[in-house]
Amino acid sequence: MSEDDNEDAEAEEAPAVELGDGESVEGAPIARVASRLTWALQKSEVDRKEGDTLIRTPDGPRELSAVLEDVDNPYFETRREFEADVRAAVGTGPVQTE
């Protein structure tokens, strides 16, 4: 039996993750938005491409354009830098579901 076969067998034996029955969360995770872009980018270019996207924040969904207004950095060298600046602007914590 090959190593890949062992991994497949282990994956089949692993318990399935069940999703809760609660409210769905509105908005996209910032990491998903960042993954659609090619870095490095100016803030204005991020706004042009994804500004109307609703992102998840601890205070509920917000348009990325509104969040970018609170970000002082005019140029994001990397995806990590973009995500850190956005998280600094919106805060971190549990995302509201209601």
C-alpha atoms as a PDB file:
ATOM      1  CA  MET A   1       0.000   0.000   0.000  1.00  0.00           C
ATOM      2  CA  SER A   2       1.469   3.380  -0.991  1.00  0.00           C
ATOM      3  CA  GLU A   3       1.723   6.432   1.261  1.00  0.00           C
ATOM      4  CA  ASP A   4      -1.060   8.158  -0.735  1.00  0.00           C
ATOM      5  CA  ASP A   5      -3.361   5.177  -0.169  1.00  0.00           C
ATOM      6  CA  ASN A   6      -2.695   5.352   3.577  1.00  0.00           C
ATOM      7  CA  GLU A   7      -3.542   9.071   3.611  1.00  0.00           C
ATOM      8  CA  ASP A   8      -6.761   8.433   1.666  1.00  0.00           C
ATOM      9  CA  ALA A   9      -7.790   5.675   4.082  1.00  0.00           C
ATOM     10  CA  GLU A  10      -7.093   7.923   7.085  1.00  0.00           C
ATOM     11  CA  ALA A  11      -9.098  10.744   5.526  1.00  0.00           C
ATOM     12  CA  GLU A  12     -12.087   8.443   5.025  1.00  0.00           C
ATOM     13  CA  GLU A  13     -11.926   7.313   8.653  1.00  0.00           C
ATOM     14  CA  ALA A  14     -11.745  10.847  10.034  1.00  0.00           C
ATOM     15  CA  PRO A  15     -15.023  12.176  11.439  1.00  0.00           C
ATOM     16  CA  ALA A  16     -16.933  14.621   9.285  1.00  0.00           C
ATOM     17  CA  VAL A  17     -17.190  18.173  10.518  1.00  0.00           C
ATOM     18  CA  GLU A  18     -20.804  19.128  11.053  1.00  0.00           C
ATOM     19  CA  LEU A  19     -21.902  22.694  10.421  1.00  0.00           C
ATOM     20  CA  GLY A  20     -24.140  24.377  12.938  1.00  0.00           C
ATOM     21  CA  ASP A  21     -27.777  25.220  12.382  1.00  0.00           C
ATOM     22  CA  GLY A  22     -27.303  28.889  13.305  1.00  0.00           C
ATOM     23  CA  GLU A  23     -27.590  31.965  11.159  1.00  0.00           C
ATOM     24  CA  SER A  24     -25.262  32.230   8.188  1.00  0.00           C
ATOM     25  CA  VAL A  25     -22.590  34.919   8.342  1.00  0.00           C
ATOM     26  CA  GLU A  26     -22.955  37.686   5.785  1.00  0.00           C
ATOM     27  CA  GLY A  27     -19.890  38.965   3.970  1.00  0.00           C
ATOM     28  CA  ALA A  28     -16.693  37.406   2.701  1.00  0.00           C
ATOM     29  CA  PRO A  29     -13.643  36.705   4.844  1.00  0.00           C
ATOM     30  CA  ILE A  30     -10.897  39.241   4.119  1.00  0.00           C
ATOM     31  CA  ALA A  31      -8.533  36.372   3.250  1.00  0.00           C
ATOM     32  CA  ARG A  32     -10.866  35.297   0.425  1.00  0.00           C
ATOM     33  CA  VAL A  33     -10.955  38.819  -0.991  1.00  0.00           C
ATOM     34  CA  ALA A  34      -7.160  39.083  -0.732  1.00  0.00           C
ATOM     35  CA  SER A  35      -6.711  35.780  -2.553  1.00  0.00           C
ATOM     36  CA  ARG A  36      -8.489  37.161  -5.631  1.00  0.00           C
ATOM     37  CA  LEU A  37      -5.912  39.934  -6.052  1.00  0.00           C
ATOM     38  CA  THR A  38      -2.327  39.975  -7.306  1.00  0.00           C
ATOM     39  CA  TRP A  39       0.131  41.754  -5.039  1.00  0.00           C
ATOM     40  CA  ALA A  40       1.650  44.439  -4.815  1.00  0.00           C
ATOM     41  CA  LEU A  41      -1.257  46.878  -5.275  1.00  0.00           C
ATOM     42  CA  GLN A  42      -2.201  50.468  -4.593  1.00  0.00           C
ATOM     43  CA  LYS A  43      -5.102  50.990  -2.215  1.00  0.00           C
ATOM     44  CA  SER A  44      -7.039  52.735  -4.996  1.00  0.00           C
ATOM     45  CA  GLU A  45      -6.646  49.670  -7.222  1.00  0.00           C
ATOM     46  CA  VAL A  46      -7.900  47.358  -4.461  1.00  0.00           C
ATOM     47  CA  ASP A  47     -10.868  49.696  -4.046  1.00  0.00           C
ATOM     48  CA  ARG A  48     -11.554  49.706  -7.790  1.00  0.00           C
ATOM     49  CA  LYS A  49     -11.437  45.911  -8.074  1.00  0.00           C
ATOM     50  CA  GLU A  50     -13.076  44.808  -4.801  1.00  0.00           C
ATOM     51  CA  GLY A  51     -14.456  47.955  -3.147  1.00  0.00           C
ATOM     52  CA  ASP A  52     -18.105  46.898  -3.402  1.00  0.00           C
ATOM     53  CA  THR A  53     -17.419  43.533  -1.749  1.00  0.00           C
ATOM     54  CA  LEU A  54     -18.995  43.017   1.676  1.00  0.00           C
ATOM     55  CA  ILE A  55     -16.441  41.727   4.158  1.00  0.00           C
ATOM     56  CA  ARG A  56     -16.980  40.147   7.559  1.00  0.00           C
ATOM     57  CA  THR A  57     -16.147  42.283  10.570  1.00  0.00           C
ATOM     58  CA  PRO A  58     -16.854  41.921  14.293  1.00  0.00           C
ATOM     59  CA  ASP A  59     -19.481  44.674  13.895  1.00  0.00           C
ATOM     60  CA  GLY A  60     -21.210  42.985  10.963  1.00  0.00           C
ATOM     61  CA  PRO A  61     -20.652  43.148   7.212  1.00  0.00           C
ATOM     62  CA  ARG A  62     -19.077  46.293   5.731  1.00  0.00           C
ATOM     63  CA  GLU A  63     -18.147  47.325   2.218  1.00  0.00           C
ATOM     64  CA  LEU A  64     -14.418  47.106   1.646  1.00  0.00           C
ATOM     65  CA  SER A  65     -14.443  50.689   0.253  1.00  0.00           C
ATOM     66  CA  ALA A  66     -15.635  52.021   3.602  1.00  0.00           C
ATOM     67  CA  VAL A  67     -12.993  50.048   5.462  1.00  0.00           C
ATOM     68  CA  LEU A  68     -10.227  51.241   3.136  1.00  0.00           C
ATOM     69  CA  GLU A  69     -11.103  54.836   4.051  1.00  0.00           C
ATOM     70  CA  ASP A  70      -9.836  54.010   7.564  1.00  0.00           C
ATOM     71  CA  VAL A  71      -6.554  52.549   6.266  1.00  0.00           C
ATOM     72  CA  ASP A  72      -3.665  55.036   6.002  1.00  0.00           C
ATOM     73  CA  ASN A  73      -1.391  52.837   3.889  1.00  0.00           C
ATOM     74  CA  PRO A  74      -1.628  53.896   0.190  1.00  0.00           C
ATOM     75  CA  TYR A  75       0.235  50.831  -1.137  1.00  0.00           C
ATOM     76  CA  PHE A  76       0.162  47.181  -0.087  1.00  0.00           C
ATOM     77  CA  GLU A  77       3.422  45.408  -0.817  1.00  0.00           C
ATOM     78  CA  THR A  78       2.023  41.977   0.118  1.00  0.00           C
ATOM     79  CA  ARG A  79      -1.245  40.196   0.765  1.00  0.00           C
ATOM     80  CA  ARG A  80      -0.228  39.840   4.414  1.00  0.00           C
ATOM     81  CA  GLU A  81       0.261  43.612   4.722  1.00  0.00           C
ATOM     82  CA  PHE A  82      -3.188  44.249   3.210  1.00  0.00           C
ATOM     83  CA  GLU A  83      -4.903  41.773   5.535  1.00  0.00           C
ATOM     84  CA  ALA A  84      -3.120  43.186   8.601  1.00  0.00           C
ATOM     85  CA  ASP A  85      -4.085  46.772   7.725  1.00  0.00           C
ATOM     86  CA  VAL A  86      -7.730  45.828   7.125  1.00  0.00           C
ATOM     87  CA  ARG A  87      -7.900  43.854  10.376  1.00  0.00           C
ATOM     88  CA  ALA A  88      -6.367  46.809  12.230  1.00  0.00           C
ATOM     89  CA  ALA A  89      -9.113  49.037  10.786  1.00  0.00           C
ATOM     90  CA  VAL A  90     -12.059  46.739  11.580  1.00  0.00           C
ATOM     91  CA  GLY A  91     -10.758  45.017  14.693  1.00  0.00           C
ATOM     92  CA  THR A  92     -10.638  41.346  15.501  1.00  0.00           C
ATOM     93  CA  GLY A  93     -13.031  39.131  17.349  1.00  0.00           C
ATOM     94  CA  PRO A  94     -16.069  36.976  16.790  1.00  0.00           C
ATOM     95  CA  VAL A  95     -18.217  37.840  13.798  1.00  0.00           C
ATOM     96  CA  GLN A  96     -21.849  38.575  14.609  1.00  0.00           C
ATOM     97  CA  THR A  97     -24.362  36.149  13.153  1.00  0.00           C
ATOM     98  CA  GLU A  98     -27.587  37.993  13.902  1.00  0.00           C
END
